C-alpha atoms as a PDB file:
ATOM      1  CA  MET A   1     105.405 189.008  55.852  1.00  0.00           C
ATOM      2  CA  ALA A   2     103.600 190.567  58.809  1.00  0.00           C
ATOM      3  CA  ILE A   3     102.589 193.522  56.631  1.00  0.00           C
ATOM      4  CA  PHE A   4     101.001 191.130  54.129  1.00  0.00           C
ATOM      5  CA  PHE A   5      98.856 189.467  56.793  1.00  0.00           C
ATOM      6  CA  ALA A   6      97.914 192.835  58.259  1.00  0.00           C
ATOM      7  CA  CYS A   7      96.759 194.060  54.841  1.00  0.00           C
ATOM      8  CA  LEU A   8      94.939 190.791  54.209  1.00  0.00           C
ATOM      9  CA  SER A   9      93.106 191.019  57.529  1.00  0.00           C
ATOM     10  CA  LEU A  10      92.108 194.634  56.768  1.00  0.00           C
ATOM     11  CA  ILE A  11      90.726 193.619  53.380  1.00  0.00           C
ATOM     12  CA  VAL A  12      88.769 190.696  54.849  1.00  0.00           C
ATOM     13  CA  SER A  13      87.437 192.940  57.618  1.00  0.00           C
ATOM     14  CA  ALA A  14      86.338 195.534  55.078  1.00  0.00           C
ATOM     15  CA  LEU A  15      84.532 192.862  53.045  1.00  0.00           C
ATOM     16  CA  PHE A  16      82.663 191.654  56.123  1.00  0.00           C
ATOM     17  CA  ILE A  17      81.674 195.225  56.996  1.00  0.00           C
ATOM     18  CA  VAL A  18      80.381 195.835  53.475  1.00  0.00           C
ATOM     19  CA  ALA A  19      78.445 192.552  53.546  1.00  0.00           C
ATOM     20  CA  GLY A  20      76.947 193.467  56.925  1.00  0.00           C
ATOM     21  CA  VAL A  21      75.856 196.888  55.676  1.00  0.00           C
ATOM     22  CA  LEU A  22      74.265 195.291  52.596  1.00  0.00           C
ATOM     23  CA  VAL A  23      72.335 192.826  54.732  1.00  0.00           C
ATOM     24  CA  LEU A  24      71.148 195.583  57.052  1.00  0.00           C
ATOM     25  CA  LYS A  25      69.962 197.674  54.095  1.00  0.00           C
ATOM     26  CA  ALA A  26      68.225 194.734  52.369  1.00  0.00           C
ATOM     27  CA  ASP A  27      64.489 194.805  51.714  1.00  0.00           C
ATOM     28  CA  LYS A  28      63.004 193.041  54.754  1.00  0.00           C
ATOM     29  CA  VAL A  29      59.928 191.604  53.014  1.00  0.00           C
ATOM     30  CA  THR A  30      61.955 190.130  50.153  1.00  0.00           C
ATOM     31  CA  TYR A  31      64.531 188.845  52.638  1.00  0.00           C
ATOM     32  CA  LYS A  32      61.851 187.022  54.640  1.00  0.00           C
ATOM     33  CA  SER A  33      60.328 185.497  51.492  1.00  0.00           C
ATOM     34  CA  CYS A  34      63.758 184.250  50.364  1.00  0.00           C
ATOM     35  CA  GLN A  35      64.403 182.889  53.839  1.00  0.00           C
ATOM     36  CA  VAL A  36      61.122 180.951  53.798  1.00  0.00           C
ATOM     37  CA  LEU A  37      61.867 179.740  50.272  1.00  0.00           C
ATOM     38  CA  THR A  38      65.307 178.338  51.124  1.00  0.00           C
ATOM     39  CA  ARG A  39      64.097 176.532  54.285  1.00  0.00           C
ATOM     40  CA  GLY A  40      67.377 176.823  56.131  1.00  0.00           C
ATOM     41  CA  PHE A  41      70.791 178.401  56.185  1.00  0.00           C
ATOM     42  CA  LYS A  42      72.716 175.542  54.559  1.00  0.00           C
ATOM     43  CA  ASN A  43      70.402 174.947  51.584  1.00  0.00           C
ATOM     44  CA  PRO A  44      71.582 177.900  49.469  1.00  0.00           C
ATOM     45  CA  ILE A  45      75.209 177.045  50.210  1.00  0.00           C
ATOM     46  CA  LEU A  46      74.801 173.373  49.283  1.00  0.00           C
ATOM     47  CA  GLY A  47      72.583 174.068  46.257  1.00  0.00           C
ATOM     48  CA  THR A  48      69.622 172.185  47.677  1.00  0.00           C
ATOM     49  CA  VAL A  49      66.974 174.910  47.583  1.00  0.00           C
ATOM     50  CA  PRO A  50      63.601 173.314  46.724  1.00  0.00           C
ATOM     51  CA  THR A  51      62.897 173.921  43.029  1.00  0.00           C
ATOM     52  CA  SER A  52      59.111 173.769  43.192  1.00  0.00           C
ATOM     53  CA  SER A  53      56.440 174.746  45.637  1.00  0.00           C
ATOM     54  CA  ASP A  54      52.917 173.328  45.561  1.00  0.00           C
ATOM     55  CA  GLY A  55      53.700 171.375  42.398  1.00  0.00           C
ATOM     56  CA  SER A  56      54.714 174.351  40.265  1.00  0.00           C
ATOM     57  CA  ARG A  57      58.195 175.645  39.534  1.00  0.00           C
ATOM     58  CA  ASP A  58      59.201 178.696  41.538  1.00  0.00           C
ATOM     59  CA  TYR A  59      60.542 181.567  39.420  1.00  0.00           C
ATOM     60  CA  ARG A  60      62.861 182.721  42.230  1.00  0.00           C
ATOM     61  CA  VAL A  61      64.927 179.520  42.006  1.00  0.00           C
ATOM     62  CA  ASP A  62      67.369 178.510  39.265  1.00  0.00           C
ATOM     63  CA  ALA A  63      66.842 174.775  38.939  1.00  0.00           C
ATOM     64  CA  GLY A  64      69.063 171.985  37.708  1.00  0.00           C
ATOM     65  CA  ILE A  65      69.497 168.261  38.042  1.00  0.00           C
ATOM     66  CA  LEU A  66      72.360 166.061  39.159  1.00  0.00           C
ATOM     67  CA  TRP A  67      72.953 162.360  38.604  1.00  0.00           C
ATOM     68  CA  ASP A  68      74.088 160.669  41.822  1.00  0.00           C
ATOM     69  CA  ARG A  69      76.356 157.826  40.724  1.00  0.00           C
ATOM     70  CA  LYS A  70      76.478 156.179  44.143  1.00  0.00           C
ATOM     71  CA  GLU A  71      72.708 155.787  44.468  1.00  0.00           C
ATOM     72  CA  ASN A  72      71.838 155.825  40.722  1.00  0.00           C
ATOM     73  CA  LYS A  73      69.167 158.478  40.974  1.00  0.00           C
ATOM     74  CA  VAL A  74      68.483 162.014  39.816  1.00  0.00           C
ATOM     75  CA  ILE A  75      68.690 164.782  42.416  1.00  0.00           C
ATOM     76  CA  ASP A  76      67.069 168.193  41.986  1.00  0.00           C
ATOM     77  CA  GLN A  77      69.368 171.109  42.660  1.00  0.00           C
ATOM     78  CA  GLY A  78      68.361 174.711  43.112  1.00  0.00           C
ATOM     79  CA  LYS A  79      69.849 178.053  43.963  1.00  0.00           C
ATOM     80  CA  LEU A  80      68.363 181.478  44.427  1.00  0.00           C
ATOM     81  CA  SER A  81      68.183 183.205  41.074  1.00  0.00           C
ATOM     82  CA  ASN A  82      70.225 186.316  40.385  1.00  0.00           C
ATOM     83  CA  GLU A  83      66.998 188.317  40.072  1.00  0.00           C
ATOM     84  CA  SER A  84      65.815 187.329  43.544  1.00  0.00           C
ATOM     85  CA  ILE A  85      69.210 188.174  45.052  1.00  0.00           C
ATOM     86  CA  SER A  86      69.419 191.527  43.279  1.00  0.00           C
ATOM     87  CA  SER A  87      65.886 192.414  44.392  1.00  0.00           C
ATOM     88  CA  LEU A  88      67.115 192.182  47.989  1.00  0.00           C
ATOM     89  CA  PHE A  89      69.626 194.992  47.560  1.00  0.00           C
ATOM     90  CA  ARG A  90      67.649 197.630  45.665  1.00  0.00           C
END
């Protein structure tokens, strides 16, 4: 059992190292524009990236809607599009 957890920790460590290298090699200008677009660290994780800026839809955001049953209202949901994420790591 100890070997399993040792292998698991090595795999998780390797994934974090690869993710760190990818972030360090990312295009800095595109990274900053995506950071300004998301307006916070938690927004991309929660799916609450603003879907429009200055009244027009932003092409870097995949938009959707959600019906909140508790409050009976429609909520905009957004996430960074695959194209904007892939442009970071070119």
